[in-house]
């Protein structure tokens, strides 16, 4: 998505967002959940898809979709919950299936959301889950490293493509049990969302994969599988 298109969408969403504040109950998301001094700064991430099929073929054409209509619908759900969509990243996911004993694939989006946190974020995610008939939706709320609610972290690793990640995950039974899967952006950046207890394991997996572990790319926070 071009920067001009994104700004048009953010501006339009902002207008709806602030208009919605007038009619929403105090318990809804809003200014209290916005980042201090910058209502456009993301306060949460949401990983979701509209896919309900199990895809095991990496050449399946369904993995070529750009999920543009899905993106617009989720943005609408975000605004309806008086939060603000501030862009999303198209990603290709690889996950290990214990049932099938093989890797499965999924096209999804990593949504960046402003002015939503805690129960507000969980409610929003549950609406996305229900709307698209998903078993669960993954959310991540960035927090200071030493905050009481921190139970997970995300890390971004540049220069890793989907096939390289898939082969490494399949070959490492410990990593696939603990990490289960991950997502890769179109510019070949691997995104892992892992339990805080698996920090060392994740770092070792990334290093063995040939990736560069950059602590500046690690974010701590609260991870939830809403479903």
Protein backbone atom coordinates (compact mmCIF):
# COMPACT_ATOMS: atom_id res chain seq x y z
CA UNK A 1 0.00 0.00 0.00
CA UNK A 2 1.35 3.45 -0.92
CA UNK A 3 1.91 6.04 1.80
CA UNK A 4 -0.60 8.46 0.26
CA UNK A 5 -3.31 5.79 0.17
CA UNK A 6 -2.60 4.85 3.77
CA UNK A 7 -2.83 8.48 4.92
CA UNK A 8 -6.17 8.91 3.16
CA UNK A 9 -7.52 5.83 4.91
CA UNK A 10 -6.16 6.92 8.29
CA UNK A 11 -7.66 10.40 7.88
CA UNK A 12 -11.07 8.96 6.97
CA UNK A 13 -10.92 6.46 9.81
CA UNK A 14 -9.90 9.22 12.22
CA UNK A 15 -12.97 11.26 11.31
CA UNK A 16 -15.25 8.29 11.98
CA UNK A 17 -13.30 7.46 15.14
CA UNK A 18 -13.69 10.83 16.79
CA UNK A 19 -17.32 11.13 15.68
CA UNK A 20 -17.99 7.75 17.26
CA UNK A 21 -16.65 8.95 20.60
CA UNK A 22 -19.71 11.16 20.91
CA UNK A 23 -22.15 8.25 20.93
CA UNK A 24 -20.16 5.45 22.61
CA UNK A 25 -20.43 4.44 26.25
CA UNK A 26 -17.52 5.30 28.58
CA UNK A 27 -16.49 1.62 28.73
CA UNK A 28 -15.58 1.64 25.05
CA UNK A 29 -12.09 2.30 23.68
CA UNK A 30 -11.17 5.91 23.15
CA UNK A 31 -8.74 8.68 24.18
CA UNK A 32 -7.86 6.97 27.47
CA UNK A 33 -6.37 4.08 25.48
CA UNK A 34 -4.46 6.27 23.00
CA UNK A 35 -0.71 6.72 23.25
CA UNK A 36 0.09 9.90 25.14
CA UNK A 37 0.53 12.81 22.76
CA UNK A 38 0.01 10.74 19.62
CA UNK A 39 -3.40 9.12 18.91
CA UNK A 40 -2.00 7.57 15.71
CA UNK A 41 0.67 5.55 17.51
CA UNK A 42 -0.27 1.84 17.54
CA UNK A 43 -1.07 0.46 20.98
CA UNK A 44 -1.79 -3.09 19.82
CA UNK A 45 -1.32 -5.63 17.05
CA UNK A 46 -3.80 -8.18 15.77
CA UNK A 47 -2.92 -11.15 13.55
CA UNK A 48 -5.92 -12.48 11.63
CA UNK A 49 -7.14 -14.10 8.42
CA UNK A 50 -10.40 -14.94 6.69
CA UNK A 51 -9.15 -18.41 5.71
CA UNK A 52 -10.89 -21.46 7.18
CA UNK A 53 -9.22 -24.14 5.05
CA UNK A 54 -6.17 -26.22 5.92
CA UNK A 55 -3.54 -25.51 3.27
CA UNK A 56 -0.52 -27.81 3.04
CA UNK A 57 0.65 -27.03 -0.50
CA UNK A 58 3.01 -24.01 -0.61
CA UNK A 59 1.99 -23.44 -4.25
CA UNK A 60 -1.73 -23.22 -3.46
CA UNK A 61 -3.18 -20.18 -5.25
CA UNK A 62 -5.07 -19.17 -2.11
CA UNK A 63 -1.70 -18.16 -0.69
CA UNK A 64 -1.43 -15.45 -3.35
CA UNK A 65 -4.43 -13.43 -2.14
CA UNK A 66 -3.73 -9.92 -0.86
CA UNK A 67 -6.71 -9.91 1.53
CA UNK A 68 -7.70 -6.37 0.57
CA UNK A 69 -11.45 -6.78 1.17
CA UNK A 70 -10.65 -8.52 4.44
CA UNK A 71 -8.45 -5.60 5.46
CA UNK A 72 -11.25 -3.10 4.83
CA UNK A 73 -13.74 -5.17 6.82
CA UNK A 74 -11.42 -5.49 9.82
CA UNK A 75 -10.66 -1.77 9.67
CA UNK A 76 -14.40 -1.18 9.87
CA UNK A 77 -14.71 -3.42 12.93
CA UNK A 78 -11.85 -1.52 14.58
CA UNK A 79 -13.57 1.83 14.01
CA UNK A 80 -16.91 0.48 15.24
CA UNK A 81 -15.14 -0.31 18.50
CA UNK A 82 -13.92 3.31 18.71
CA UNK A 83 -10.33 2.38 18.01
CA UNK A 84 -8.21 3.50 15.09
CA UNK A 85 -6.73 1.33 12.29
CA UNK A 86 -3.30 2.65 11.34
CA UNK A 87 -2.30 0.19 8.65
CA UNK A 88 -1.63 -3.51 8.31
CA UNK A 89 1.11 -5.76 6.95
CA UNK A 90 0.40 -8.64 4.58
CA UNK A 91 2.16 -11.77 5.83
CA UNK A 92 2.55 -15.42 4.89
CA UNK A 93 2.27 -17.73 7.87
CA UNK A 94 3.79 -21.17 8.39
CA UNK A 95 2.48 -23.32 11.22
CA UNK A 96 3.21 -26.83 12.42
CA UNK A 97 0.24 -29.19 12.65
CA UNK A 98 0.68 -31.97 15.22
CA UNK A 99 -2.44 -33.64 13.89
CA UNK A 100 -1.12 -33.83 10.32
CA UNK A 101 2.55 -33.94 11.30
CA UNK A 102 3.36 -31.41 8.61
CA UNK A 103 3.58 -27.69 7.97
CA UNK A 104 0.46 -25.74 7.06
CA UNK A 105 0.31 -22.36 5.35
CA UNK A 106 -1.88 -19.30 5.73
CA UNK A 107 -2.11 -15.83 4.25
CA UNK A 108 -2.98 -13.23 6.89
CA UNK A 109 -2.54 -9.63 7.95
CA UNK A 110 -0.84 -8.07 10.94
CA UNK A 111 -3.09 -5.15 11.88
CA UNK A 112 -1.70 -2.14 13.72
CA UNK A 113 -4.31 -0.56 15.99
CA UNK A 114 -4.28 2.67 17.97
CA UNK A 115 -6.45 3.59 20.98
CA UNK A 116 -7.26 0.02 22.02
CA UNK A 117 -5.86 -2.00 24.92
CA UNK A 118 -6.79 -4.69 27.43
CA UNK A 119 -10.46 -5.77 27.41
CA UNK A 120 -11.21 -3.39 24.54
CA UNK A 121 -8.66 -5.16 22.35
CA UNK A 122 -9.97 -8.59 23.35
CA UNK A 123 -13.54 -7.58 22.52
CA UNK A 124 -12.47 -6.26 19.14
CA UNK A 125 -10.48 -9.42 18.39
CA UNK A 126 -13.43 -11.62 19.35
CA UNK A 127 -15.62 -9.76 16.86
CA UNK A 128 -13.07 -10.38 14.11
CA UNK A 129 -12.85 -14.04 15.13
CA UNK A 130 -16.61 -14.46 15.04
CA UNK A 131 -17.08 -12.53 11.79
CA UNK A 132 -14.59 -14.72 9.90
CA UNK A 133 -15.32 -18.03 11.68
CA UNK A 134 -11.85 -18.43 13.17
CA UNK A 135 -10.91 -20.67 16.08
CA UNK A 136 -8.84 -17.86 17.55
CA UNK A 137 -7.24 -14.50 16.77
CA UNK A 138 -3.82 -13.53 18.07
CA UNK A 139 -3.35 -10.14 19.75
CA UNK A 140 -0.23 -8.50 21.11
CA UNK A 141 -0.21 -5.41 23.32
CA UNK A 142 3.27 -3.83 23.68
CA UNK A 143 4.22 -3.01 27.27
CA UNK A 144 7.36 -1.89 29.12
CA UNK A 145 9.67 -4.87 29.63
CA UNK A 146 9.18 -4.94 33.40
CA UNK A 147 5.42 -4.31 33.39
CA UNK A 148 3.34 -6.81 35.43
CA UNK A 149 1.32 -7.98 32.40
CA UNK A 150 4.30 -8.95 30.23
CA UNK A 151 4.10 -12.63 29.25
CA UNK A 152 5.46 -12.64 25.69
CA UNK A 153 7.58 -10.85 23.12
CA UNK A 154 7.77 -10.31 19.39
CA UNK A 155 10.93 -10.22 17.31
CA UNK A 156 11.55 -9.27 13.69
CA UNK A 157 14.36 -10.94 11.75
CA UNK A 158 15.33 -9.54 8.36
CA UNK A 159 16.37 -11.66 5.37
CA UNK A 160 14.32 -14.81 6.05
CA UNK A 161 11.96 -16.07 3.35
CA UNK A 162 8.98 -18.38 3.85
CA UNK A 163 10.68 -21.53 2.53
CA UNK A 164 13.74 -21.05 4.70
CA UNK A 165 11.61 -20.57 7.80
CA UNK A 166 9.40 -23.53 6.94
CA UNK A 167 12.36 -25.89 6.49
CA UNK A 168 13.96 -24.78 9.76
CA UNK A 169 10.72 -25.14 11.71
CA UNK A 170 10.01 -28.63 10.35
CA UNK A 171 13.56 -29.75 11.12
CA UNK A 172 13.50 -28.57 14.76
CA UNK A 173 10.99 -30.53 16.89
CA UNK A 174 11.62 -28.39 19.99
CA UNK A 175 11.10 -25.11 18.14
CA UNK A 176 7.97 -26.27 16.39
CA UNK A 177 6.50 -27.46 19.70
CA UNK A 178 7.13 -24.15 21.47
CA UNK A 179 6.89 -21.60 18.66
CA UNK A 180 4.27 -23.48 16.59
CA UNK A 181 4.75 -21.06 13.70
CA UNK A 182 5.49 -17.57 12.51
CA UNK A 183 4.84 -15.03 9.77
CA UNK A 184 6.97 -13.63 6.96
CA UNK A 185 6.39 -10.26 5.29
CA UNK A 186 6.71 -9.59 1.58
CA UNK A 187 10.15 -8.05 2.15
CA UNK A 188 11.32 -11.29 3.83
CA UNK A 189 11.14 -10.22 7.45
CA UNK A 190 10.28 -13.04 9.84
CA UNK A 191 7.91 -12.12 12.69
CA UNK A 192 7.78 -14.41 15.72
CA UNK A 193 5.43 -13.97 18.68
CA UNK A 194 6.62 -16.16 21.52
CA UNK A 195 6.16 -16.88 25.20
CA UNK A 196 8.59 -14.97 27.41
CA UNK A 197 9.85 -18.29 28.82
CA UNK A 198 10.97 -19.24 25.30
CA UNK A 199 13.21 -16.21 24.76
CA UNK A 200 16.47 -18.19 24.75
CA UNK A 201 15.01 -20.98 22.64
CA UNK A 202 13.76 -18.44 20.10
CA UNK A 203 17.10 -16.67 19.97
CA UNK A 204 18.88 -19.99 19.39
CA UNK A 205 16.40 -20.92 16.65
CA UNK A 206 16.90 -17.60 14.86
CA UNK A 207 20.69 -17.90 15.10
CA UNK A 208 20.63 -21.48 13.76
CA UNK A 209 18.41 -20.23 10.95
CA UNK A 210 21.17 -17.84 9.96
CA UNK A 211 19.26 -14.77 11.10
CA UNK A 212 20.64 -11.78 12.96
CA UNK A 213 19.19 -11.44 16.47
CA UNK A 214 18.72 -7.71 16.98
CA UNK A 215 17.51 -6.76 20.48
CA UNK A 216 16.26 -3.46 19.04
CA UNK A 217 13.68 -5.51 17.12
CA UNK A 218 12.36 -7.21 20.27
CA UNK A 219 9.14 -5.87 21.81
CA UNK A 220 7.71 -7.10 25.10
CA UNK A 221 4.03 -7.25 25.96
CA UNK A 222 0.87 -9.21 26.59
CA UNK A 223 -0.08 -11.95 24.12
CA UNK A 224 -3.58 -13.39 23.88
CA UNK A 225 -5.19 -16.05 21.70
CA UNK A 226 -8.77 -14.79 21.65
CA UNK A 227 -11.21 -17.56 20.95
